[in-house]
PDB file of N, CA and C in Angstrom:
ATOM      1  N   GLU A   1      -6.660  11.700  -3.101  1.00  0.00           N
ATOM      2  CA  GLU A   1      -5.475  11.831  -3.925  1.00  0.00           C
ATOM      3  C   GLU A   1      -4.535  10.670  -3.619  1.00  0.00           C
ATOM      4  N   ASN A   2      -4.105   9.984  -4.654  1.00  0.00           N
ATOM      5  CA  ASN A   2      -3.146   8.895  -4.483  1.00  0.00           C
ATOM      6  C   ASN A   2      -1.737   9.444  -4.650  1.00  0.00           C
ATOM      7  N   ILE A   3      -0.901   9.188  -3.674  1.00  0.00           N
ATOM      8  CA  ILE A   3       0.474   9.665  -3.723  1.00  0.00           C
ATOM      9  C   ILE A   3       1.343   8.707  -4.526  1.00  0.00           C
ATOM     10  N   LEU A   4       1.066   7.438  -4.410  1.00  0.00           N
ATOM     11  CA  LEU A   4       1.881   6.409  -5.034  1.00  0.00           C
ATOM     12  C   LEU A   4       1.056   5.695  -6.102  1.00  0.00           C
ATOM     13  N   ARG A   5       1.514   5.728  -7.345  1.00  0.00           N
ATOM     14  CA  ARG A   5       0.757   5.144  -8.454  1.00  0.00           C
ATOM     15  C   ARG A   5       0.827   3.616  -8.409  1.00  0.00           C
ATOM     16  N   PHE A   6      -0.334   2.980  -8.439  1.00  0.00           N
ATOM     17  CA  PHE A   6      -0.449   1.526  -8.485  1.00  0.00           C
ATOM     18  C   PHE A   6      -0.151   1.055  -9.903  1.00  0.00           C
ATOM     19  N   ILE A   7       0.645  -0.009 -10.039  1.00  0.00           N
ATOM     20  CA  ILE A   7       0.966  -0.562 -11.353  1.00  0.00           C
ATOM     21  C   ILE A   7       0.310  -1.928 -11.537  1.00  0.00           C
ATOM     22  N   ALA A   8       0.496  -2.828 -10.589  1.00  0.00           N
ATOM     23  CA  ALA A   8      -0.062  -4.179 -10.722  1.00  0.00           C
ATOM     24  C   ALA A   8      -0.015  -4.893  -9.377  1.00  0.00           C
ATOM     25  N   SER A   9      -0.556  -6.102  -9.367  1.00  0.00           N
ATOM     26  CA  SER A   9      -0.444  -6.955  -8.186  1.00  0.00           C
ATOM     27  C   SER A   9       0.099  -8.308  -8.622  1.00  0.00           C
ATOM     28  N   GLU A  10       0.675  -9.004  -7.682  1.00  0.00           N
ATOM     29  CA  GLU A  10       1.274 -10.303  -7.978  1.00  0.00           C
ATOM     30  C   GLU A  10       1.015 -11.237  -6.805  1.00  0.00           C
ATOM     31  N   ARG A  11       0.694 -12.470  -7.123  1.00  0.00           N
ATOM     32  CA  ARG A  11       0.504 -13.496  -6.095  1.00  0.00           C
ATOM     33  C   ARG A  11       1.671 -14.470  -6.189  1.00  0.00           C
ATOM     34  N   LYS A  12       2.422 -14.602  -5.108  1.00  0.00           N
ATOM     35  CA  LYS A  12       3.583 -15.494  -5.064  1.00  0.00           C
ATOM     36  C   LYS A  12       3.268 -16.645  -4.115  1.00  0.00           C
ATOM     37  N   GLU A  13       3.424 -17.863  -4.607  1.00  0.00           N
ATOM     38  CA  GLU A  13       3.184 -19.040  -3.770  1.00  0.00           C
ATOM     39  C   GLU A  13       4.426 -19.910  -3.752  1.00  0.00           C
ATOM     40  N   GLU A  14       4.817 -20.287  -2.542  1.00  0.00           N
ATOM     41  CA  GLU A  14       5.960 -21.177  -2.376  1.00  0.00           C
ATOM     42  C   GLU A  14       5.667 -22.090  -1.196  1.00  0.00           C
ATOM     43  N   SER A  15       5.637 -23.376  -1.444  1.00  0.00           N
ATOM     44  CA  SER A  15       5.264 -24.366  -0.425  1.00  0.00           C
ATOM     45  C   SER A  15       3.897 -24.009   0.142  1.00  0.00           C
ATOM     46  N   LEU A  16       3.819 -23.785   1.434  1.00  0.00           N
ATOM     47  CA  LEU A  16       2.542 -23.460   2.069  1.00  0.00           C
ATOM     48  C   LEU A  16       2.372 -21.964   2.314  1.00  0.00           C
ATOM     49  N   VAL A  17       3.271 -21.163   1.752  1.00  0.00           N
ATOM     50  CA  VAL A  17       3.245 -19.720   1.987  1.00  0.00           C
ATOM     51  C   VAL A  17       2.762 -18.994   0.731  1.00  0.00           C
ATOM     52  N   THR A  18       1.763 -18.144   0.904  1.00  0.00           N
ATOM     53  CA  THR A  18       1.273 -17.305  -0.185  1.00  0.00           C
ATOM     54  C   THR A  18       1.493 -15.853   0.193  1.00  0.00           C
ATOM     55  N   GLU A  19       2.104 -15.089  -0.709  1.00  0.00           N
ATOM     56  CA  GLU A  19       2.315 -13.662  -0.501  1.00  0.00           C
ATOM     57  C   GLU A  19       1.602 -12.901  -1.605  1.00  0.00           C
ATOM     58  N   PHE A  20       1.039 -11.757  -1.255  1.00  0.00           N
ATOM     59  CA  PHE A  20       0.431 -10.868  -2.229  1.00  0.00           C
ATOM     60  C   PHE A  20       1.271  -9.602  -2.284  1.00  0.00           C
ATOM     61  N   TRP A  21       1.740  -9.261  -3.457  1.00  0.00           N
ATOM     62  CA  TRP A  21       2.592  -8.095  -3.640  1.00  0.00           C
ATOM     63  C   TRP A  21       1.837  -7.037  -4.426  1.00  0.00           C
ATOM     64  N   LEU A  22       1.992  -5.784  -4.022  1.00  0.00           N
ATOM     65  CA  LEU A  22       1.487  -4.658  -4.794  1.00  0.00           C
ATOM     66  C   LEU A  22       2.681  -4.001  -5.461  1.00  0.00           C
ATOM     67  N   ILE A  23       2.616  -3.840  -6.766  1.00  0.00           N
ATOM     68  CA  ILE A  23       3.704  -3.214  -7.503  1.00  0.00           C
ATOM     69  C   ILE A  23       3.316  -1.765  -7.755  1.00  0.00           C
ATOM     70  N   THR A  24       4.184  -0.867  -7.302  1.00  0.00           N
ATOM     71  CA  THR A  24       3.924   0.563  -7.432  1.00  0.00           C
ATOM     72  C   THR A  24       5.121   1.237  -8.078  1.00  0.00           C
ATOM     73  N   GLU A  25       4.932   2.489  -8.429  1.00  0.00           N
ATOM     74  CA  GLU A  25       6.053   3.239  -8.973  1.00  0.00           C
ATOM     75  C   GLU A  25       7.106   3.452  -7.887  1.00  0.00           C
ATOM     76  N   PHE A  26       8.328   3.724  -8.307  1.00  0.00           N
ATOM     77  CA  PHE A  26       9.414   4.002  -7.369  1.00  0.00           C
ATOM     78  C   PHE A  26       9.142   5.329  -6.673  1.00  0.00           C
ATOM     79  N   HIS A  27       9.385   5.366  -5.375  1.00  0.00           N
ATOM     80  CA  HIS A  27       9.208   6.601  -4.613  1.00  0.00           C
ATOM     81  C   HIS A  27      10.540   6.947  -3.970  1.00  0.00           C
ATOM     82  N   GLU A  28      11.116   8.062  -4.364  1.00  0.00           N
ATOM     83  CA  GLU A  28      12.474   8.414  -3.929  1.00  0.00           C
ATOM     84  C   GLU A  28      12.609   8.615  -2.423  1.00  0.00           C
ATOM     85  N   ASN A  29      11.508   8.857  -1.724  1.00  0.00           N
ATOM     86  CA  ASN A  29      11.578   9.044  -0.272  1.00  0.00           C
ATOM     87  C   ASN A  29      11.485   7.735   0.499  1.00  0.00           C
ATOM     88  N   GLY A  30      11.419   6.617  -0.204  1.00  0.00           N
ATOM     89  CA  GLY A  30      11.377   5.323   0.464  1.00  0.00           C
ATOM     90  C   GLY A  30       9.967   4.918   0.858  1.00  0.00           C
ATOM     91  N   SER A  31       9.895   3.868   1.641  1.00  0.00           N
ATOM     92  CA  SER A  31       8.606   3.326   2.064  1.00  0.00           C
ATOM     93  C   SER A  31       8.109   4.025   3.328  1.00  0.00           C
ATOM     94  N   LEU A  32       6.859   3.782   3.658  1.00  0.00           N
ATOM     95  CA  LEU A  32       6.305   4.304   4.906  1.00  0.00           C
ATOM     96  C   LEU A  32       7.101   3.756   6.087  1.00  0.00           C
ATOM     97  N   SER A  33       7.465   2.495   6.011  1.00  0.00           N
ATOM     98  CA  SER A  33       8.257   1.880   7.077  1.00  0.00           C
ATOM     99  C   SER A  33       9.584   2.616   7.270  1.00  0.00           C
ATOM    100  N   ASP A  34      10.261   2.914   6.164  1.00  0.00           N
ATOM    101  CA  ASP A  34      11.524   3.657   6.244  1.00  0.00           C
ATOM    102  C   ASP A  34      11.313   5.021   6.895  1.00  0.00           C
ATOM    103  N   TYR A  35      10.246   5.692   6.492  1.00  0.00           N
ATOM    104  CA  TYR A  35       9.963   7.022   7.031  1.00  0.00           C
ATOM    105  C   TYR A  35       9.713   6.963   8.537  1.00  0.00           C
ATOM    106  N   LEU A  36       8.892   6.003   8.959  1.00  0.00           N
ATOM    107  CA  LEU A  36       8.549   5.915  10.380  1.00  0.00           C
ATOM    108  C   LEU A  36       9.740   5.516  11.243  1.00  0.00           C
ATOM    109  N   LYS A  37      10.666   4.753  10.685  1.00  0.00           N
ATOM    110  CA  LYS A  37      11.868   4.379  11.436  1.00  0.00           C
ATOM    111  C   LYS A  37      12.765   5.583  11.702  1.00  0.00           C
ATOM    112  N   GLY A  38      12.734   6.565  10.803  1.00  0.00           N
ATOM    113  CA  GLY A  38      13.635   7.702  10.929  1.00  0.00           C
ATOM    114  C   GLY A  38      12.995   8.990  11.401  1.00  0.00           C
ATOM    115  N   ASN A  39      11.674   8.980  11.647  1.00  0.00           N
ATOM    116  CA  ASN A  39      10.975  10.208  12.008  1.00  0.00           C
ATOM    117  C   ASN A  39       9.931   9.949  13.082  1.00  0.00           C
ATOM    118  N   SER A  40       9.755  10.922  13.951  1.00  0.00           N
ATOM    119  CA  SER A  40       8.658  10.886  14.918  1.00  0.00           C
ATOM    120  C   SER A  40       7.471  11.604  14.290  1.00  0.00           C
ATOM    121  N   ILE A  41       6.273  11.105  14.569  1.00  0.00           N
ATOM    122  CA  ILE A  41       5.083  11.752  14.026  1.00  0.00           C
ATOM    123  C   ILE A  41       4.101  12.048  15.152  1.00  0.00           C
ATOM    124  N   THR A  42       3.238  13.011  14.903  1.00  0.00           N
ATOM    125  CA  THR A  42       2.219  13.384  15.881  1.00  0.00           C
ATOM    126  C   THR A  42       1.009  12.470  15.730  1.00  0.00           C
ATOM    127  N   TRP A  43       0.118  12.544  16.707  1.00  0.00           N
ATOM    128  CA  TRP A  43      -1.121  11.775  16.641  1.00  0.00           C
ATOM    129  C   TRP A  43      -1.924  12.186  15.405  1.00  0.00           C
ATOM    130  N   ALA A  44      -1.963  13.472  15.114  1.00  0.00           N
ATOM    131  CA  ALA A  44      -2.703  13.956  13.938  1.00  0.00           C
ATOM    132  C   ALA A  44      -2.104  13.390  12.648  1.00  0.00           C
ATOM    133  N   GLN A  45      -0.776  13.341  12.566  1.00  0.00           N
ATOM    134  CA  GLN A  45      -0.127  12.770  11.384  1.00  0.00           C
ATOM    135  C   GLN A  45      -0.428  11.280  11.265  1.00  0.00           C
ATOM    136  N   LEU A  46      -0.417  10.576  12.397  1.00  0.00           N
ATOM    137  CA  LEU A  46      -0.729   9.154  12.394  1.00  0.00           C
ATOM    138  C   LEU A  46      -2.158   8.916  11.905  1.00  0.00           C
ATOM    139  N   CYS A  47      -3.086   9.734  12.375  1.00  0.00           N
ATOM    140  CA  CYS A  47      -4.481   9.618  11.925  1.00  0.00           C
ATOM    141  C   CYS A  47      -4.594   9.889  10.428  1.00  0.00           C
ATOM    142  N   HIS A  48      -3.844  10.871   9.939  1.00  0.00           N
ATOM    143  CA  HIS A  48      -3.862  11.185   8.506  1.00  0.00           C
ATOM    144  C   HIS A  48      -3.309  10.008   7.689  1.00  0.00           C
ATOM    145  N   ILE A  49      -2.237   9.401   8.162  1.00  0.00           N
ATOM    146  CA  ILE A  49      -1.664   8.235   7.478  1.00  0.00           C
ATOM    147  C   ILE A  49      -2.681   7.095   7.453  1.00  0.00           C
ATOM    148  N   GLY A  50      -3.329   6.849   8.588  1.00  0.00           N
ATOM    149  CA  GLY A  50      -4.344   5.793   8.652  1.00  0.00           C
ATOM    150  C   GLY A  50      -5.499   6.046   7.701  1.00  0.00           C
ATOM    151  N   GLU A  51      -5.951   7.290   7.646  1.00  0.00           N
ATOM    152  CA  GLU A  51      -7.043   7.641   6.726  1.00  0.00           C
ATOM    153  C   GLU A  51      -6.603   7.459   5.274  1.00  0.00           C
ATOM    154  N   SER A  52      -5.381   7.861   4.975  1.00  0.00           N
ATOM    155  CA  SER A  52      -4.851   7.718   3.624  1.00  0.00           C
ATOM    156  C   SER A  52      -4.741   6.245   3.224  1.00  0.00           C
ATOM    157  N   MET A  53      -4.291   5.411   4.157  1.00  0.00           N
ATOM    158  CA  MET A  53      -4.183   3.975   3.880  1.00  0.00           C
ATOM    159  C   MET A  53      -5.564   3.368   3.637  1.00  0.00           C
ATOM    160  N   THR A  54      -6.538   3.793   4.421  1.00  0.00           N
ATOM    161  CA  THR A  54      -7.906   3.306   4.248  1.00  0.00           C
ATOM    162  C   THR A  54      -8.441   3.687   2.876  1.00  0.00           C
ATOM    163  N   CYS A  55      -8.177   4.912   2.457  1.00  0.00           N
ATOM    164  CA  CYS A  55      -8.609   5.350   1.121  1.00  0.00           C
ATOM    165  C   CYS A  55      -7.926   4.527   0.035  1.00  0.00           C
ATOM    166  N   GLY A  56      -6.647   4.217   0.236  1.00  0.00           N
ATOM    167  CA  GLY A  56      -5.921   3.407  -0.743  1.00  0.00           C
ATOM    168  C   GLY A  56      -6.482   2.002  -0.858  1.00  0.00           C
ATOM    169  N   ILE A  57      -6.791   1.390   0.267  1.00  0.00           N
ATOM    170  CA  ILE A  57      -7.368   0.041   0.249  1.00  0.00           C
ATOM    171  C   ILE A  57      -8.753   0.069  -0.398  1.00  0.00           C
ATOM    172  N   THR A  58      -9.535   1.083  -0.078  1.00  0.00           N
ATOM    173  CA  THR A  58     -10.857   1.231  -0.698  1.00  0.00           C
ATOM    174  C   THR A  58     -10.715   1.370  -2.205  1.00  0.00           C
ATOM    175  N   TYR A  59      -9.759   2.171  -2.640  1.00  0.00           N
ATOM    176  CA  TYR A  59      -9.515   2.353  -4.071  1.00  0.00           C
ATOM    177  C   TYR A  59      -9.181   1.017  -4.733  1.00  0.00           C
ATOM    178  N   LEU A  60      -8.286   0.254  -4.116  1.00  0.00           N
ATOM    179  CA  LEU A  60      -7.898  -1.030  -4.704  1.00  0.00           C
ATOM    180  C   LEU A  60      -9.086  -1.976  -4.836  1.00  0.00           C
ATOM    181  N   HIS A  61      -9.976  -1.963  -3.864  1.00  0.00           N
ATOM    182  CA  HIS A  61     -11.110  -2.881  -3.894  1.00  0.00           C
ATOM    183  C   HIS A  61     -12.271  -2.385  -4.735  1.00  0.00           C
ATOM    184  N   ASP A  62     -12.447  -1.079  -4.843  1.00  0.00           N
ATOM    185  CA  ASP A  62     -13.594  -0.537  -5.574  1.00  0.00           C
ATOM    186  C   ASP A  62     -13.283  -0.124  -7.002  1.00  0.00           C
ATOM    187  N   GLU A  63     -12.095   0.378  -7.241  1.00  0.00           N
ATOM    188  CA  GLU A  63     -11.780   0.972  -8.536  1.00  0.00           C
ATOM    189  C   GLU A  63     -10.970   0.072  -9.460  1.00  0.00           C
ATOM    190  N   ILE A  64     -10.387  -0.987  -8.937  1.00  0.00           N
ATOM    191  CA  ILE A  64      -9.569  -1.874  -9.769  1.00  0.00           C
ATOM    192  C   ILE A  64     -10.152  -3.286  -9.666  1.00  0.00           C
ATOM    193  N   PRO A  65     -11.257  -3.546 -10.362  1.00  0.00           N
ATOM    194  CA  PRO A  65     -11.938  -4.834 -10.220  1.00  0.00           C
ATOM    195  C   PRO A  65     -11.115  -6.036 -10.674  1.00  0.00           C
ATOM    196  N   ALA A  66     -10.140  -5.851 -11.545  1.00  0.00           N
ATOM    197  CA  ALA A  66      -9.363  -6.979 -12.057  1.00  0.00           C
ATOM    198  C   ALA A  66      -8.566  -7.681 -10.966  1.00  0.00           C
ATOM    199  N   ILE A  67      -8.220  -6.982  -9.880  1.00  0.00           N
ATOM    200  CA  ILE A  67      -7.417  -7.622  -8.847  1.00  0.00           C
ATOM    201  C   ILE A  67      -8.229  -7.995  -7.615  1.00  0.00           C
ATOM    202  N   ASN A  68      -9.515  -7.665  -7.582  1.00  0.00           N
ATOM    203  CA  ASN A  68     -10.313  -7.945  -6.389  1.00  0.00           C
ATOM    204  C   ASN A  68     -10.279  -9.410  -5.989  1.00  0.00           C
ATOM    205  N   GLY A  69     -10.272 -10.305  -6.938  1.00  0.00           N
ATOM    206  CA  GLY A  69     -10.277 -11.720  -6.609  1.00  0.00           C
ATOM    207  C   GLY A  69      -8.960 -12.211  -6.044  1.00  0.00           C
ATOM    208  N   SER A  70      -7.881 -11.452  -6.256  1.00  0.00           N
ATOM    209  CA  SER A  70      -6.579 -11.932  -5.804  1.00  0.00           C
ATOM    210  C   SER A  70      -6.098 -11.267  -4.529  1.00  0.00           C
ATOM    211  N   LEU A  71      -6.829 -10.290  -4.011  1.00  0.00           N
ATOM    212  CA  LEU A  71      -6.404  -9.648  -2.758  1.00  0.00           C
ATOM    213  C   LEU A  71      -7.239 -10.122  -1.608  1.00  0.00           C
TER     214      LEU A  71
END
C-alpha cells in the first residue's frame, strides 16, 4: 500500500550538481524527516519504515518505467 501518491520526477542540474526530485501529493503530517525529529520510534517501527521505503523504491523502479532512466 502506498501512503503517498507519486506524481512525477524532476532532474535539476546546476553547475556540477545534479539533483533528482520526486514530486508527490501534499501530506498534512509533513515529511518522514519532520516526523522523526519530533517523535521517538521503536525498533519495530523503524523496521516497518525501512520495509515501506524499500517497497516504494521497488515500485518506482518496477511499476513506473518512464522514470527508470532518470533515477
